Protein backbone atom coordinates (compact mmCIF):
# COMPACT_ATOMS: atom_id res chain seq x y z
CA MET A 1 118.76 59.35 56.88
CA THR A 2 119.79 60.72 60.27
CA ASP A 3 120.49 58.14 62.94
CA PRO A 4 118.16 58.08 65.97
CA ILE A 5 119.39 59.47 69.29
CA ASN A 6 119.82 57.17 72.29
CA LEU A 7 118.98 58.55 75.71
CA THR A 8 117.63 57.56 79.11
CA ILE A 9 114.60 59.12 80.82
CA ASP A 10 113.78 57.97 84.36
CA ASN A 11 115.84 54.79 83.87
CA GLN A 12 114.09 53.97 80.60
CA THR A 13 116.32 53.72 77.54
CA VAL A 14 114.75 55.07 74.39
CA GLN A 15 115.57 56.11 70.85
CA ALA A 16 114.28 59.43 69.54
CA ALA A 17 114.38 61.37 66.30
CA PRO A 18 116.87 64.24 66.17
CA GLY A 19 115.19 67.53 67.05
CA SER A 20 112.75 65.92 69.48
CA THR A 21 112.24 67.66 72.80
CA ILE A 22 112.55 65.97 76.16
CA LEU A 23 108.84 66.60 76.73
CA GLN A 24 107.87 64.84 73.50
CA VAL A 25 110.03 61.81 74.23
CA ALA A 26 108.87 61.59 77.85
CA ARG A 27 105.23 61.65 76.79
CA SER A 28 105.90 58.90 74.25
CA LEU A 29 107.03 56.77 77.19
CA GLY A 30 103.94 57.61 79.21
CA ILE A 31 105.90 59.88 81.57
CA GLU A 32 103.82 62.89 82.53
CA ILE A 33 105.65 66.21 82.88
CA PRO A 34 103.45 69.11 84.08
CA THR A 35 103.10 72.18 81.89
CA ILE A 36 101.16 75.44 81.96
CA CYS A 37 102.37 77.43 78.97
CA VAL A 38 102.38 74.46 76.58
CA HIS A 39 99.25 73.89 74.50
CA GLU A 40 98.65 71.71 71.46
CA ALA A 41 97.67 74.78 69.43
CA THR A 42 100.78 76.81 70.26
CA GLN A 43 104.54 76.57 69.99
CA PRO A 44 106.38 75.87 73.29
CA ASN A 45 108.08 78.91 74.78
CA ALA A 46 109.51 77.75 78.16
CA LEU A 47 107.85 80.56 80.10
CA CYS A 48 106.14 78.77 83.00
CA ARG A 49 109.11 76.51 83.93
CA THR A 50 106.88 73.86 85.50
CA CYS A 51 108.23 71.36 82.96
CA VAL A 52 111.82 71.59 84.19
CA VAL A 53 113.79 68.35 84.41
CA GLU A 54 117.25 67.43 85.62
CA VAL A 55 119.78 66.43 82.97
CA GLU A 56 122.96 64.84 84.24
CA GLY A 57 125.96 67.06 83.51
CA MET A 58 123.91 70.25 83.21
CA ARG A 59 124.28 72.92 85.89
CA VAL A 60 120.71 74.22 85.72
CA LEU A 61 117.36 72.50 85.26
CA ALA A 62 116.23 72.26 81.64
CA ALA A 63 112.80 73.26 80.31
CA ALA A 64 111.60 69.98 78.81
CA CYS A 65 109.25 71.69 76.34
CA VAL A 66 112.12 73.27 74.38
CA ALA A 67 115.27 71.32 75.38
CA GLN A 68 116.18 68.96 72.57
CA VAL A 69 117.47 65.46 73.22
CA SER A 70 121.09 64.58 72.59
CA GLU A 71 123.08 61.33 72.34
CA GLY A 72 123.67 59.68 75.71
CA MET A 73 121.50 62.18 77.63
CA ILE A 74 120.31 61.01 81.04
CA VAL A 75 117.16 62.76 82.26
CA HIS A 76 115.39 62.69 85.62
CA THR A 77 111.86 64.08 85.59
CA ARG A 78 110.96 63.57 89.27
CA SER A 79 114.20 64.12 91.20
CA GLU A 80 114.07 65.97 94.53
CA ARG A 81 115.54 69.06 92.90
CA VAL A 82 112.94 69.01 90.11
CA GLU A 83 109.99 68.51 92.43
CA ARG A 84 111.16 71.26 94.77
CA SER A 85 111.45 73.66 91.83
CA ARG A 86 107.97 72.86 90.49
CA LYS A 87 106.40 73.13 93.93
CA THR A 88 108.04 76.52 94.55
CA ILE A 89 106.88 77.87 91.20
CA LEU A 90 103.30 76.83 91.95
CA GLU A 91 103.49 78.33 95.44
CA MET A 92 104.70 81.64 94.04
CA LEU A 93 101.82 81.64 91.52
CA ALA A 94 99.33 80.88 94.29
CA ALA A 95 100.73 83.77 96.34
CA SER A 96 100.30 86.39 93.63
CA VAL A 97 97.57 85.26 91.20
CA ASP A 98 93.93 84.22 91.57
CA LEU A 99 93.91 80.54 90.55
CA SER A 100 90.34 79.85 91.65
CA GLU A 101 89.22 79.13 88.07
CA ALA A 102 92.32 77.24 86.93
CA PRO A 103 91.41 73.55 87.40
CA ALA A 104 94.50 72.13 85.68
CA ILE A 105 96.82 74.21 87.86
CA GLN A 106 94.84 73.30 90.97
CA THR A 107 95.36 69.63 90.09
CA MET A 108 99.12 70.25 89.86
CA MET A 109 99.07 72.03 93.20
CA ALA A 110 97.40 69.05 94.84
CA ALA A 111 99.84 66.62 93.23
CA TYR A 112 102.85 68.58 94.51
CA GLN A 113 101.28 69.27 97.94
CA VAL A 114 101.58 73.00 97.43
CA ASP A 115 101.36 75.28 100.44
CA ALA A 116 99.42 78.24 99.02
CA SER A 117 100.23 80.32 102.10
CA ARG A 118 104.00 79.83 101.94
CA PHE A 119 104.67 83.42 100.82
CA PRO A 120 102.25 85.55 102.89
CA GLN A 121 104.14 88.79 102.18
CA ALA A 122 103.93 88.40 98.40
CA ALA A 123 102.27 91.23 96.48
CA ARG A 124 99.03 90.20 94.81
CA ARG A 125 98.26 91.02 91.20
CA ASN A 126 94.88 92.78 91.28
CA PRO A 127 94.38 95.01 88.23
CA PRO A 128 90.77 96.03 87.52
CA ILE A 129 88.65 93.88 85.23
CA MET A 130 88.79 95.23 81.68
CA ASP A 131 85.28 95.38 80.21
CA ASP A 132 85.73 97.36 77.02
CA ASN A 133 83.81 95.37 74.42
CA PRO A 134 80.57 93.38 74.00
CA MET A 135 82.26 90.00 73.54
CA TYR A 136 84.53 89.15 76.47
CA ILE A 137 86.21 90.50 79.59
CA ARG A 138 89.86 90.48 80.63
CA ASP A 139 90.49 89.66 84.29
CA TYR A 140 94.27 89.90 84.58
CA GLU A 141 94.16 89.14 88.31
CA LYS A 142 93.89 85.55 87.07
CA CYS A 143 96.58 85.82 84.37
CA VAL A 144 99.71 83.67 84.81
CA LEU A 145 101.42 85.20 81.74
CA CYS A 146 101.62 81.86 79.93
CA TRP A 147 101.52 83.66 76.56
CA ARG A 148 99.09 81.20 74.98
CA CYS A 149 96.63 83.96 74.05
CA VAL A 150 99.35 86.05 72.43
CA GLN A 151 100.54 83.08 70.39
CA VAL A 152 97.14 82.08 68.97
CA CYS A 153 96.43 85.73 68.19
CA ALA A 154 99.72 85.88 66.29
CA GLN A 155 101.55 83.38 64.09
CA ASP A 156 100.31 80.18 65.73
CA ALA A 157 96.73 80.65 64.51
CA GLN A 158 95.01 83.93 63.75
CA TYR A 159 97.78 86.27 62.47
CA THR A 160 95.92 89.22 63.99
CA TYR A 161 98.62 90.46 66.40
CA ALA A 162 96.16 92.38 68.57
CA ILE A 163 97.83 91.63 71.92
CA ASN A 164 101.28 91.19 73.42
CA PHE A 165 103.21 91.61 76.66
CA SER A 166 103.21 95.09 78.19
CA GLY A 167 105.28 96.41 81.10
CA ARG A 168 108.22 94.86 82.93
CA GLY A 169 108.74 92.67 85.97
CA PHE A 170 105.77 92.55 88.34
CA GLU A 171 103.94 95.09 86.14
CA THR A 172 104.01 92.79 83.10
CA GLN A 173 100.61 91.91 81.70
CA ILE A 174 98.88 91.13 78.43
CA ALA A 175 97.68 94.25 76.63
CA THR A 176 96.83 95.72 73.27
CA PHE A 177 99.40 97.91 71.57
CA PHE A 178 99.34 101.41 73.10
CA ASP A 179 96.69 100.07 75.55
CA LYS A 180 93.88 100.75 73.10
CA PRO A 181 90.42 99.28 73.88
CA LEU A 182 89.97 95.99 72.05
CA PRO A 183 87.44 97.39 69.54
CA LEU A 184 90.09 99.91 68.46
CA SER A 185 92.80 97.25 68.09
CA THR A 186 93.25 94.67 65.34
CA CYS A 187 91.22 92.14 67.37
CA VAL A 188 88.60 90.32 65.27
CA PHE A 189 86.92 88.71 68.32
CA CYS A 190 87.52 85.19 67.06
CA GLY A 191 87.62 83.85 70.63
CA GLN A 192 90.71 81.70 70.15
CA CYS A 193 92.47 83.45 73.03
CA ILE A 194 89.61 82.44 75.34
CA GLY A 195 89.89 78.84 74.15
CA VAL A 196 93.53 78.49 75.17
CA CYS A 197 93.47 80.48 78.45
CA PRO A 198 94.13 78.05 81.36
CA THR A 199 92.87 80.31 84.16
CA ASN A 200 89.70 82.05 82.89
CA ALA A 201 91.52 85.36 82.81
CA LEU A 202 89.72 85.71 79.49
CA LYS A 203 86.03 84.91 79.65
CA PRO A 204 82.95 85.39 77.44
CA ARG A 205 81.19 88.53 78.63
CA ARG A 206 77.78 86.85 78.77
CA GLU A 207 79.14 84.22 81.14
CA TRP A 208 80.73 86.89 83.32
CA LEU A 209 77.54 88.96 83.46
CA LEU A 210 75.53 85.89 84.46
CA GLU A 211 78.00 85.35 87.30
CA GLN A 212 77.32 88.94 88.40
CA GLY A 213 73.63 88.08 88.80
CA LEU A 214 72.16 89.67 85.67
CA SER A 215 69.29 87.91 83.89
CA SER A 216 69.71 86.51 80.40
CA GLU A 217 67.14 89.04 79.12
CA ALA A 218 69.03 91.99 80.61
CA ILE A 219 72.30 90.69 79.18
CA ALA A 220 70.78 90.26 75.70
CA ALA A 221 69.45 93.82 75.71
CA MET A 222 72.74 95.20 77.00
CA THR A 223 75.02 93.40 74.55
CA GLN A 224 72.78 94.10 71.55
CA SER A 225 72.74 97.83 72.26
CA GLU A 226 76.51 97.83 72.77
CA ARG A 227 77.09 96.02 69.47
CA ARG A 228 74.95 98.60 67.67
CA LYS A 229 76.95 101.37 69.36
CA HIS A 230 80.27 99.91 68.24
CA ARG A 231 79.03 99.44 64.68
CA LYS A 232 78.13 103.14 64.52
CA GLU A 233 81.57 104.12 65.84
């Protein structure tokens, strides 16, 4: 049997099983570390970097969701350096992405006293809404590239592999392979991507059409005719 690992998190000494992440151990102690890309249905991938913590002896901040504990490790989850990093990340997101329908991120922003206007010269992400199927829309102006949707579409849940990252740098976004419309991809419209999206970048089409002012009767007629059209194709 492997011996437990002894470490200290925010002045609390704890023993943890080998292979445990800092995030897991911190949560077992009741210490809350903010995350965006982490979800109970997906594997952690350290993309959002809001979970960074300071580990004594390490030059850079560590992503708590993937950094494994080690013997004698001393971790600080709310040091000045950590809080400044998290606040800056949230401010950069607020400057470039529409977070109006991201309640969990808005809560983080309030907790870290984020100045949403800190980067007024930042370029905004404003691609057009993608409405190419009867089931749901893709509003990538709201996408924070957390990768949750890609993961549940792939090996974490559905094994469909309909979507992935496309582009580089500022042009990166979630897309189908070869940018095919969703009905022409391997998508099975299971809806799991919508369930894990933290910002409403993915939304049921009926809900979106209601927000546009259409009546439920008009929406029913529209979506039924579109489904019949896609079945014929």
